[in-house]
């Protein structure tokens, strides 16, 4: 994986304070947010890079590892453990002849970790797992009603994935082995994709259930009748009972959203009736309503 200067991405110095990093991130995130730059691939890539940089630099522990190990910061613990092991091994073998060691004495060891020649004449290289990648994929609610395929470009590689129906906003899935390459033959890291699902429909979603409010005219509410209501995959007819009150809820079983990774299983659609009173009454209508009011 090529080295990425996260400080340069956010436009801050290496000794920037936490508040300065946070301020720079917020400013750039607003500038390059996909909602403000629709269909702008360059802005989308910058937005991802900004989020990645902030994820590392806003965390003091991660920032410390990054400052010391660069793109290999996620393997910092493994490096330190291997370094200590090598130090102990050398101390046992050579302490009587050479005494204590400085940091420079470990240069050949780190050369081994990155594929360099060993000064020990063929000692086994240490393998490390590659860095995990994080990506965000923005979809509309309609996009996740049915399974579909998408091609993602991650680190200049095209990855074809199948997005299951029912994916939720904020959900993260792991694509094994599609992260950064391992070091010295170690396994690749994984790719974690976070889904940002925008709901631009008339339905409110809660898991696999959908909720919808529809207007009900006064006459149908009083006398009963039949109305047509939308569902996510078409329209259906509903029978309304006489004297239906405003706020009444009815459940349409199986007309909700698909359940994640449960084939042919759906949630329910809950419809709430909202009474809509007639407007611009004629003189005759007012007269009739007046008569009705006297009868009650």
C-alpha atoms as a PDB file:
ATOM      1  CA  UNK A   1       0.000   0.000   0.000  1.00  0.00           C
ATOM      2  CA  UNK A   2       1.435   3.389  -0.950  1.00  0.00           C
ATOM      3  CA  UNK A   3       2.168   5.800   1.872  1.00  0.00           C
ATOM      4  CA  UNK A   4      -0.528   8.417   2.385  1.00  0.00           C
ATOM      5  CA  UNK A   5       0.332  11.593   4.285  1.00  0.00           C
ATOM      6  CA  UNK A   6      -2.806  12.033   6.395  1.00  0.00           C
ATOM      7  CA  UNK A   7      -1.564  15.386   7.688  1.00  0.00           C
ATOM      8  CA  UNK A   8      -1.310  16.632   4.117  1.00  0.00           C
ATOM      9  CA  UNK A   9      -4.798  15.277   3.334  1.00  0.00           C
ATOM     10  CA  UNK A  10      -6.283  17.399   6.131  1.00  0.00           C
ATOM     11  CA  UNK A  11      -3.948  20.324   5.459  1.00  0.00           C
ATOM     12  CA  UNK A  12      -2.490  20.456   8.979  1.00  0.00           C
ATOM     13  CA  UNK A  13       1.033  20.253  10.392  1.00  0.00           C
ATOM     14  CA  UNK A  14       2.380  17.167  12.161  1.00  0.00           C
ATOM     15  CA  UNK A  15       2.241  18.965  15.519  1.00  0.00           C
ATOM     16  CA  UNK A  16      -1.370  20.105  15.031  1.00  0.00           C
ATOM     17  CA  UNK A  17      -3.588  19.931  18.102  1.00  0.00           C
ATOM     18  CA  UNK A  18      -6.631  17.649  18.325  1.00  0.00           C
ATOM     19  CA  UNK A  19      -8.951  20.643  18.006  1.00  0.00           C
ATOM     20  CA  UNK A  20      -7.110  21.848  14.885  1.00  0.00           C
ATOM     21  CA  UNK A  21      -7.446  18.402  13.307  1.00  0.00           C
ATOM     22  CA  UNK A  22     -11.145  18.267  14.156  1.00  0.00           C
ATOM     23  CA  UNK A  23     -11.721  21.762  12.741  1.00  0.00           C
ATOM     24  CA  UNK A  24      -9.876  20.951   9.503  1.00  0.00           C
ATOM     25  CA  UNK A  25     -11.798  17.697   9.087  1.00  0.00           C
ATOM     26  CA  UNK A  26     -15.200  19.333   9.549  1.00  0.00           C
ATOM     27  CA  UNK A  27     -14.378  22.092   7.078  1.00  0.00           C
ATOM     28  CA  UNK A  28     -13.203  19.673   4.375  1.00  0.00           C
ATOM     29  CA  UNK A  29     -15.997  17.158   5.030  1.00  0.00           C
ATOM     30  CA  UNK A  30     -18.592  19.867   4.432  1.00  0.00           C
ATOM     31  CA  UNK A  31     -16.811  21.006   1.271  1.00  0.00           C
ATOM     32  CA  UNK A  32     -16.517  17.562  -0.343  1.00  0.00           C
ATOM     33  CA  UNK A  33     -19.631  15.839   1.053  1.00  0.00           C
ATOM     34  CA  UNK A  34     -21.362  13.734  -1.670  1.00  0.00           C
ATOM     35  CA  UNK A  35     -24.693  15.449  -1.022  1.00  0.00           C
ATOM     36  CA  UNK A  36     -23.126  18.779  -2.041  1.00  0.00           C
ATOM     37  CA  UNK A  37     -21.174  17.282  -4.939  1.00  0.00           C
ATOM     38  CA  UNK A  38     -23.515  14.862  -6.703  1.00  0.00           C
ATOM     39  CA  UNK A  39     -21.940  12.744  -9.456  1.00  0.00           C
ATOM     40  CA  UNK A  40     -18.514  14.245  -8.711  1.00  0.00           C
ATOM     41  CA  UNK A  41     -16.139  11.261  -8.495  1.00  0.00           C
ATOM     42  CA  UNK A  42     -13.146  13.404  -7.553  1.00  0.00           C
ATOM     43  CA  UNK A  43     -15.022  14.958  -4.632  1.00  0.00           C
ATOM     44  CA  UNK A  44     -16.190  11.487  -3.563  1.00  0.00           C
ATOM     45  CA  UNK A  45     -12.597  10.189  -3.462  1.00  0.00           C
ATOM     46  CA  UNK A  46     -11.432  13.254  -1.509  1.00  0.00           C
ATOM     47  CA  UNK A  47     -14.297  12.776   0.957  1.00  0.00           C
ATOM     48  CA  UNK A  48     -13.216   9.163   1.558  1.00  0.00           C
ATOM     49  CA  UNK A  49      -9.580  10.201   2.002  1.00  0.00           C
ATOM     50  CA  UNK A  50     -10.591  12.922   4.474  1.00  0.00           C
ATOM     51  CA  UNK A  51     -12.585  10.443   6.549  1.00  0.00           C
ATOM     52  CA  UNK A  52      -9.732   7.929   6.523  1.00  0.00           C
ATOM     53  CA  UNK A  53      -7.250  10.587   7.646  1.00  0.00           C
ATOM     54  CA  UNK A  54      -9.534  11.770  10.425  1.00  0.00           C
ATOM     55  CA  UNK A  55     -10.137   8.207  11.614  1.00  0.00           C
ATOM     56  CA  UNK A  56      -6.403   7.835  12.240  1.00  0.00           C
ATOM     57  CA  UNK A  57      -5.348  11.296  13.404  1.00  0.00           C
ATOM     58  CA  UNK A  58      -8.315  12.009  15.681  1.00  0.00           C
ATOM     59  CA  UNK A  59      -7.464   8.980  17.820  1.00  0.00           C
ATOM     60  CA  UNK A  60      -4.346   9.700  19.961  1.00  0.00           C
ATOM     61  CA  UNK A  61      -3.295   6.047  20.075  1.00  0.00           C
ATOM     62  CA  UNK A  62      -3.685   5.555  16.325  1.00  0.00           C
ATOM     63  CA  UNK A  63      -1.944   8.855  15.626  1.00  0.00           C
ATOM     64  CA  UNK A  64       1.066   7.810  17.702  1.00  0.00           C
ATOM     65  CA  UNK A  65       1.326   4.525  15.783  1.00  0.00           C
ATOM     66  CA  UNK A  66       0.950   6.319  12.454  1.00  0.00           C
ATOM     67  CA  UNK A  67       3.666   8.851  13.313  1.00  0.00           C
ATOM     68  CA  UNK A  68       6.092   6.023  14.033  1.00  0.00           C
ATOM     69  CA  UNK A  69       5.131   3.359  11.500  1.00  0.00           C
ATOM     70  CA  UNK A  70       3.419   5.230   8.653  1.00  0.00           C
ATOM     71  CA  UNK A  71       1.228   3.036   6.453  1.00  0.00           C
ATOM     72  CA  UNK A  72       2.039   0.034   8.669  1.00  0.00           C
ATOM     73  CA  UNK A  73       0.577   1.661  11.800  1.00  0.00           C
ATOM     74  CA  UNK A  74      -2.075  -1.044  12.181  1.00  0.00           C
ATOM     75  CA  UNK A  75       0.704  -3.597  12.703  1.00  0.00           C
ATOM     76  CA  UNK A  76       2.468  -1.514  15.372  1.00  0.00           C
ATOM     77  CA  UNK A  77       1.855  -3.991  18.199  1.00  0.00           C
ATOM     78  CA  UNK A  78       3.187  -6.860  16.128  1.00  0.00           C
ATOM     79  CA  UNK A  79       6.279  -4.855  15.183  1.00  0.00           C
ATOM     80  CA  UNK A  80       6.953  -3.954  18.801  1.00  0.00           C
ATOM     81  CA  UNK A  81       6.486  -7.548  19.955  1.00  0.00           C
ATOM     82  CA  UNK A  82       8.809  -8.868  17.243  1.00  0.00           C
ATOM     83  CA  UNK A  83      11.307  -6.137  18.018  1.00  0.00           C
ATOM     84  CA  UNK A  84      11.382  -7.065  21.701  1.00  0.00           C
ATOM     85  CA  UNK A  85      11.715 -10.741  20.834  1.00  0.00           C
ATOM     86  CA  UNK A  86      14.668 -10.005  18.559  1.00  0.00           C
ATOM     87  CA  UNK A  87      16.231  -7.804  21.218  1.00  0.00           C
ATOM     88  CA  UNK A  88      15.953 -10.504  23.858  1.00  0.00           C
ATOM     89  CA  UNK A  89      17.376 -13.085  21.461  1.00  0.00           C
ATOM     90  CA  UNK A  90      20.409 -10.939  20.689  1.00  0.00           C
ATOM     91  CA  UNK A  91      20.941 -10.059  24.325  1.00  0.00           C
ATOM     92  CA  UNK A  92      21.057 -13.746  25.224  1.00  0.00           C
ATOM     93  CA  UNK A  93      23.554 -14.589  22.479  1.00  0.00           C
ATOM     94  CA  UNK A  94      25.840 -11.589  22.480  1.00  0.00           C
ATOM     95  CA  UNK A  95      25.546  -9.637  25.723  1.00  0.00           C
ATOM     96  CA  UNK A  96      28.865 -10.885  27.082  1.00  0.00           C
ATOM     97  CA  UNK A  97      30.768  -9.972  23.939  1.00  0.00           C
ATOM     98  CA  UNK A  98      29.081  -6.764  22.872  1.00  0.00           C
ATOM     99  CA  UNK A  99      27.188  -5.303  25.832  1.00  0.00           C
ATOM    100  CA  UNK A 100      24.015  -3.235  25.323  1.00  0.00           C
ATOM    101  CA  UNK A 101      22.479  -2.297  21.968  1.00  0.00           C
ATOM    102  CA  UNK A 102      21.143   0.902  20.453  1.00  0.00           C
ATOM    103  CA  UNK A 103      18.166   1.346  18.098  1.00  0.00           C
ATOM    104  CA  UNK A 104      20.525   1.205  15.124  1.00  0.00           C
ATOM    105  CA  UNK A 105      21.254  -2.424  15.921  1.00  0.00           C
ATOM    106  CA  UNK A 106      17.741  -3.351  14.824  1.00  0.00           C
ATOM    107  CA  UNK A 107      17.999  -1.955  11.299  1.00  0.00           C
ATOM    108  CA  UNK A 108      18.688  -5.373   9.799  1.00  0.00           C
ATOM    109  CA  UNK A 109      15.710  -6.800  11.675  1.00  0.00           C
ATOM    110  CA  UNK A 110      13.358  -4.222  10.199  1.00  0.00           C
ATOM    111  CA  UNK A 111      14.949  -4.880   6.829  1.00  0.00           C
ATOM    112  CA  UNK A 112      13.834  -8.481   7.220  1.00  0.00           C
ATOM    113  CA  UNK A 113      10.255  -7.458   7.944  1.00  0.00           C
ATOM    114  CA  UNK A 114      10.097  -5.539   4.696  1.00  0.00           C
ATOM    115  CA  UNK A 115      11.839  -8.116   2.583  1.00  0.00           C
ATOM    116  CA  UNK A 116      15.449  -6.993   3.068  1.00  0.00           C
ATOM    117  CA  UNK A 117      18.436  -9.322   3.430  1.00  0.00           C
ATOM    118  CA  UNK A 118      19.169 -10.731   6.870  1.00  0.00           C
ATOM    119  CA  UNK A 119      22.511 -10.082   8.516  1.00  0.00           C
ATOM    120  CA  UNK A 120      22.098 -13.401  10.289  1.00  0.00           C
ATOM    121  CA  UNK A 121      22.383 -15.317   7.031  1.00  0.00           C
ATOM    122  CA  UNK A 122      18.909 -16.613   6.221  1.00  0.00           C
ATOM    123  CA  UNK A 123      16.908 -16.111   9.452  1.00  0.00           C
ATOM    124  CA  UNK A 124      13.163 -16.491   8.995  1.00  0.00           C
ATOM    125  CA  UNK A 125      11.310 -13.355   7.974  1.00  0.00           C
ATOM    126  CA  UNK A 126       8.385 -12.163  10.058  1.00  0.00           C
ATOM    127  CA  UNK A 127       5.027 -12.137   8.254  1.00  0.00           C
ATOM    128  CA  UNK A 128       2.417  -9.502   8.922  1.00  0.00           C
ATOM    129  CA  UNK A 129      -1.208  -9.195   7.937  1.00  0.00           C
ATOM    130  CA  UNK A 130      -2.038  -6.389   5.506  1.00  0.00           C
ATOM    131  CA  UNK A 131      -3.875  -3.224   6.508  1.00  0.00           C
ATOM    132  CA  UNK A 132      -7.664  -3.250   6.553  1.00  0.00           C
ATOM    133  CA  UNK A 133      -9.380  -0.826   4.183  1.00  0.00           C
ATOM    134  CA  UNK A 134     -12.546   1.120   4.937  1.00  0.00           C
ATOM    135  CA  UNK A 135     -14.953   2.399   2.305  1.00  0.00           C
ATOM    136  CA  UNK A 136     -18.394   3.997   2.311  1.00  0.00           C
ATOM    137  CA  UNK A 137     -21.043   3.232  -0.282  1.00  0.00           C
ATOM    138  CA  UNK A 138     -24.033   5.537  -0.648  1.00  0.00           C
ATOM    139  CA  UNK A 139     -27.282   3.997  -1.868  1.00  0.00           C
ATOM    140  CA  UNK A 140     -30.941   4.925  -2.113  1.00  0.00           C
ATOM    141  CA  UNK A 141     -33.558   2.894  -0.262  1.00  0.00           C
ATOM    142  CA  UNK A 142     -34.818   1.574  -3.597  1.00  0.00           C
ATOM    143  CA  UNK A 143     -31.329   0.177  -4.282  1.00  0.00           C
ATOM    144  CA  UNK A 144     -31.458  -2.228  -1.342  1.00  0.00           C
ATOM    145  CA  UNK A 145     -34.993  -3.514  -1.860  1.00  0.00           C
ATOM    146  CA  UNK A 146     -33.591  -6.253  -4.101  1.00  0.00           C
ATOM    147  CA  UNK A 147     -30.116  -7.862  -4.288  1.00  0.00           C
ATOM    148  CA  UNK A 148     -27.911  -6.280  -6.907  1.00  0.00           C
ATOM    149  CA  UNK A 149     -24.292  -6.155  -8.013  1.00  0.00           C
ATOM    150  CA  UNK A 150     -21.971  -3.174  -7.786  1.00  0.00           C
ATOM    151  CA  UNK A 151     -18.377  -2.567  -8.845  1.00  0.00           C
ATOM    152  CA  UNK A 152     -16.239  -0.679  -6.340  1.00  0.00           C
ATOM    153  CA  UNK A 153     -12.826   0.819  -6.995  1.00  0.00           C
ATOM    154  CA  UNK A 154     -10.617   0.417  -3.936  1.00  0.00           C
ATOM    155  CA  UNK A 155      -6.919   1.287  -4.059  1.00  0.00           C
ATOM    156  CA  UNK A 156      -7.098   1.316  -7.888  1.00  0.00           C
ATOM    157  CA  UNK A 157      -8.617  -2.176  -8.005  1.00  0.00           C
ATOM    158  CA  UNK A 158     -12.141  -2.975  -9.224  1.00  0.00           C
ATOM    159  CA  UNK A 159     -14.063  -5.254  -6.874  1.00  0.00           C
ATOM    160  CA  UNK A 160     -17.383  -6.776  -7.937  1.00  0.00           C
ATOM    161  CA  UNK A 161     -19.700  -7.344  -4.978  1.00  0.00           C
ATOM    162  CA  UNK A 162     -23.292  -8.467  -4.510  1.00  0.00           C
ATOM    163  CA  UNK A 163     -25.261  -6.256  -2.131  1.00  0.00           C
ATOM    164  CA  UNK A 164     -27.904  -8.300  -0.289  1.00  0.00           C
ATOM    165  CA  UNK A 165     -31.437  -6.986  -0.045  1.00  0.00           C
ATOM    166  CA  UNK A 166     -32.342  -5.426   3.280  1.00  0.00           C
ATOM    167  CA  UNK A 167     -29.028  -3.710   4.016  1.00  0.00           C
ATOM    168  CA  UNK A 168     -29.563  -0.976   6.617  1.00  0.00           C
ATOM    169  CA  UNK A 169     -28.174   2.520   6.963  1.00  0.00           C
ATOM    170  CA  UNK A 170     -24.863   2.424   8.844  1.00  0.00           C
ATOM    171  CA  UNK A 171     -24.445  -1.328   8.408  1.00  0.00           C
ATOM    172  CA  UNK A 172     -20.900  -2.555   7.814  1.00  0.00           C
ATOM    173  CA  UNK A 173     -19.992  -5.716   5.930  1.00  0.00           C
ATOM    174  CA  UNK A 174     -16.572  -7.335   5.539  1.00  0.00           C
ATOM    175  CA  UNK A 175     -15.086  -8.435   2.218  1.00  0.00           C
ATOM    176  CA  UNK A 176     -12.333 -10.835   3.241  1.00  0.00           C
ATOM    177  CA  UNK A 177      -8.910 -10.486   1.656  1.00  0.00           C
ATOM    178  CA  UNK A 178      -9.567  -7.256  -0.267  1.00  0.00           C
ATOM    179  CA  UNK A 179      -7.569  -4.969   2.016  1.00  0.00           C
ATOM    180  CA  UNK A 180      -3.898  -4.074   1.822  1.00  0.00           C
ATOM    181  CA  UNK A 181      -1.295  -6.683   0.824  1.00  0.00           C
ATOM    182  CA  UNK A 182       0.458  -8.609   3.561  1.00  0.00           C
ATOM    183  CA  UNK A 183       4.105  -8.041   4.443  1.00  0.00           C
ATOM    184  CA  UNK A 184       6.603 -10.798   3.672  1.00  0.00           C
ATOM    185  CA  UNK A 185       3.909 -13.145   2.411  1.00  0.00           C
ATOM    186  CA  UNK A 186       1.454 -12.453   5.206  1.00  0.00           C
ATOM    187  CA  UNK A 187      -2.309 -12.526   4.497  1.00  0.00           C
ATOM    188  CA  UNK A 188      -4.101  -9.577   2.947  1.00  0.00           C
ATOM    189  CA  UNK A 189      -6.188  -7.320   5.112  1.00  0.00           C
ATOM    190  CA  UNK A 190      -9.953  -7.088   4.760  1.00  0.00           C
ATOM    191  CA  UNK A 191     -12.229  -4.486   3.203  1.00  0.00           C
ATOM    192  CA  UNK A 192     -14.962  -3.043   5.411  1.00  0.00           C
ATOM    193  CA  UNK A 193     -17.815  -1.329   3.587  1.00  0.00           C
ATOM    194  CA  UNK A 194     -20.184   0.972   5.463  1.00  0.00           C
ATOM    195  CA  UNK A 195     -23.528   1.573   3.774  1.00  0.00           C
ATOM    196  CA  UNK A 196     -25.144   4.985   3.781  1.00  0.00           C
ATOM    197  CA  UNK A 197     -28.759   4.354   2.764  1.00  0.00           C
ATOM    198  CA  UNK A 198     -30.713   7.489   1.869  1.00  0.00           C
ATOM    199  CA  UNK A 199     -34.463   7.260   2.299  1.00  0.00           C
ATOM    200  CA  UNK A 200     -36.067   9.528  -0.273  1.00  0.00           C
ATOM    201  CA  UNK A 201     -39.331   7.568  -0.297  1.00  0.00           C
ATOM    202  CA  UNK A 202     -42.665   8.289   1.375  1.00  0.00           C
ATOM    203  CA  UNK A 203     -42.157   5.359   3.740  1.00  0.00           C
ATOM    204  CA  UNK A 204     -40.499   5.341   7.136  1.00  0.00           C
ATOM    205  CA  UNK A 205     -38.315   2.315   7.663  1.00  0.00           C
ATOM    206  CA  UNK A 206     -37.629   0.529  10.928  1.00  0.00           C
ATOM    207  CA  UNK A 207     -35.644  -2.620  10.233  1.00  0.00           C
ATOM    208  CA  UNK A 208     -37.815  -4.751   7.956  1.00  0.00           C
ATOM    209  CA  UNK A 209     -41.029  -2.876   8.798  1.00  0.00           C
ATOM    210  CA  UNK A 210     -42.352   0.094   6.825  1.00  0.00           C
ATOM    211  CA  UNK A 211     -44.711   2.824   8.009  1.00  0.00           C
ATOM    212  CA  UNK A 212     -46.961   5.015   5.879  1.00  0.00           C
ATOM    213  CA  UNK A 213     -49.532   7.724   6.620  1.00  0.00           C
ATOM    214  CA  UNK A 214     -52.356   8.204   4.091  1.00  0.00           C
ATOM    215  CA  UNK A 215     -55.170  10.741   3.890  1.00  0.00           C
ATOM    216  CA  UNK A 216     -58.711   9.460   4.417  1.00  0.00           C
ATOM    217  CA  UNK A 217     -61.602  11.623   3.265  1.00  0.00           C
ATOM    218  CA  UNK A 218     -64.485  12.302   5.618  1.00  0.00           C
ATOM    219  CA  UNK A 219     -67.116  10.429   3.609  1.00  0.00           C
ATOM    220  CA  UNK A 220     -65.097   7.202   3.337  1.00  0.00           C
ATOM    221  CA  UNK A 221     -64.215   7.443   7.021  1.00  0.00           C
ATOM    222  CA  UNK A 222     -67.902   7.765   7.964  1.00  0.00           C
ATOM    223  CA  UNK A 223     -69.517   5.408   5.476  1.00  0.00           C
ATOM    224  CA  UNK A 224     -66.677   2.996   4.712  1.00  0.00           C
ATOM    225  CA  UNK A 225     -65.407   2.136   1.275  1.00  0.00           C
ATOM    226  CA  UNK A 226     -62.288   1.228  -0.631  1.00  0.00           C
ATOM    227  CA  UNK A 227     -59.072   3.180  -1.147  1.00  0.00           C
ATOM    228  CA  UNK A 228     -55.818   2.540  -3.012  1.00  0.00           C
ATOM    229  CA  UNK A 229     -52.562   2.804  -1.064  1.00  0.00           C
ATOM    230  CA  UNK A 230     -48.949   2.496  -2.277  1.00  0.00           C
ATOM    231  CA  UNK A 231     -46.593  -0.225  -1.119  1.00  0.00           C
ATOM    232  CA  UNK A 232     -42.894  -0.466  -1.918  1.00  0.00           C
ATOM    233  CA  UNK A 233     -43.536  -2.745  -4.895  1.00  0.00           C
ATOM    234  CA  UNK A 234     -46.865  -1.457  -6.204  1.00  0.00           C
ATOM    235  CA  UNK A 235     -50.338  -0.372  -5.164  1.00  0.00           C
ATOM    236  CA  UNK A 236     -52.974  -2.350  -3.264  1.00  0.00           C
ATOM    237  CA  UNK A 237     -56.638  -1.771  -2.454  1.00  0.00           C
ATOM    238  CA  UNK A 238     -57.795  -1.506   1.144  1.00  0.00           C
ATOM    239  CA  UNK A 239     -61.300  -1.803   2.510  1.00  0.00           C
ATOM    240  CA  UNK A 240     -62.126   0.898   5.054  1.00  0.00           C
ATOM    241  CA  UNK A 241     -64.655   0.086   7.753  1.00  0.00           C
ATOM    242  CA  UNK A 242     -67.507   2.537   8.401  1.00  0.00           C
ATOM    243  CA  UNK A 243     -66.859   5.069  11.152  1.00  0.00           C
ATOM    244  CA  UNK A 244     -63.085   4.698  10.944  1.00  0.00           C
ATOM    245  CA  UNK A 245     -61.356   7.178  13.245  1.00  0.00           C
ATOM    246  CA  UNK A 246     -58.380   9.357  12.349  1.00  0.00           C
ATOM    247  CA  UNK A 247     -55.183   7.701  13.587  1.00  0.00           C
ATOM    248  CA  UNK A 248     -56.445   4.180  12.972  1.00  0.00           C
ATOM    249  CA  UNK A 249     -53.647   1.796  11.983  1.00  0.00           C
ATOM    250  CA  UNK A 250     -53.877  -1.256   9.758  1.00  0.00           C
ATOM    251  CA  UNK A 251     -51.196  -3.847   9.073  1.00  0.00           C
ATOM    252  CA  UNK A 252     -50.430  -5.229   5.641  1.00  0.00           C
ATOM    253  CA  UNK A 253     -48.567  -8.445   6.377  1.00  0.00           C
ATOM    254  CA  UNK A 254     -45.492  -9.111   4.252  1.00  0.00           C
ATOM    255  CA  UNK A 255     -45.676  -5.749   2.467  1.00  0.00           C
ATOM    256  CA  UNK A 256     -42.695  -4.253   4.286  1.00  0.00           C
ATOM    257  CA  UNK A 257     -38.971  -4.457   3.504  1.00  0.00           C
ATOM    258  CA  UNK A 258     -36.989  -7.638   2.828  1.00  0.00           C
ATOM    259  CA  UNK A 259     -35.233  -9.135   5.844  1.00  0.00           C
ATOM    260  CA  UNK A 260     -31.449  -9.071   5.555  1.00  0.00           C
ATOM    261  CA  UNK A 261     -30.093 -12.399   4.256  1.00  0.00           C
ATOM    262  CA  UNK A 262     -33.447 -14.125   4.753  1.00  0.00           C
ATOM    263  CA  UNK A 263     -34.658 -15.075   1.308  1.00  0.00           C
ATOM    264  CA  UNK A 264     -38.331 -14.370   0.541  1.00  0.00           C
ATOM    265  CA  UNK A 265     -38.989 -13.028   4.053  1.00  0.00           C
ATOM    266  CA  UNK A 266     -40.423  -9.533   4.464  1.00  0.00           C
ATOM    267  CA  UNK A 267     -41.515  -7.265   7.253  1.00  0.00           C
ATOM    268  CA  UNK A 268     -44.949  -5.662   7.430  1.00  0.00           C
ATOM    269  CA  UNK A 269     -46.356  -2.357   6.219  1.00  0.00           C
ATOM    270  CA  UNK A 270     -48.265  -0.329   8.819  1.00  0.00           C
ATOM    271  CA  UNK A 271     -50.703   2.200   7.373  1.00  0.00           C
ATOM    272  CA  UNK A 272     -52.055   5.052   9.515  1.00  0.00           C
ATOM    273  CA  UNK A 273     -55.195   6.882   8.412  1.00  0.00           C
ATOM    274  CA  UNK A 274     -55.180  10.656   8.707  1.00  0.00           C
ATOM    275  CA  UNK A 275     -58.619  12.254   8.371  1.00  0.00           C
ATOM    276  CA  UNK A 276     -58.739  14.961   5.721  1.00  0.00           C
ATOM    277  CA  UNK A 277     -61.700  17.305   6.076  1.00  0.00           C
ATOM    278  CA  UNK A 278     -63.380  18.725   2.949  1.00  0.00           C
ATOM    279  CA  UNK A 279     -62.558  22.309   1.995  1.00  0.00           C
ATOM    280  CA  UNK A 280     -64.372  25.059   0.095  1.00  0.00           C
ATOM    281  CA  UNK A 281     -67.834  23.779   1.068  1.00  0.00           C
ATOM    282  CA  UNK A 282     -70.752  24.900  -1.054  1.00  0.00           C
ATOM    283  CA  UNK A 283     -73.818  26.522   0.520  1.00  0.00           C
ATOM    284  CA  UNK A 284     -75.775  23.293   0.077  1.00  0.00           C
ATOM    285  CA  UNK A 285     -73.039  21.233   1.757  1.00  0.00           C
ATOM    286  CA  UNK A 286     -72.928  23.605   4.702  1.00  0.00           C
ATOM    287  CA  UNK A 287     -76.701  23.352   4.990  1.00  0.00           C
ATOM    288  CA  UNK A 288     -76.568  19.560   5.033  1.00  0.00           C
ATOM    289  CA  UNK A 289     -73.776  19.481   7.619  1.00  0.00           C
ATOM    290  CA  UNK A 290     -75.776  21.893   9.748  1.00  0.00           C
ATOM    291  CA  UNK A 291     -78.744  19.523   9.620  1.00  0.00           C
ATOM    292  CA  UNK A 292     -76.529  16.619  10.556  1.00  0.00           C
ATOM    293  CA  UNK A 293     -75.132  18.528  13.507  1.00  0.00           C
ATOM    294  CA  UNK A 294     -78.647  19.186  14.794  1.00  0.00           C
ATOM    295  CA  UNK A 295     -79.495  15.500  14.520  1.00  0.00           C
ATOM    296  CA  UNK A 296     -76.509  14.607  16.716  1.00  0.00           C
END
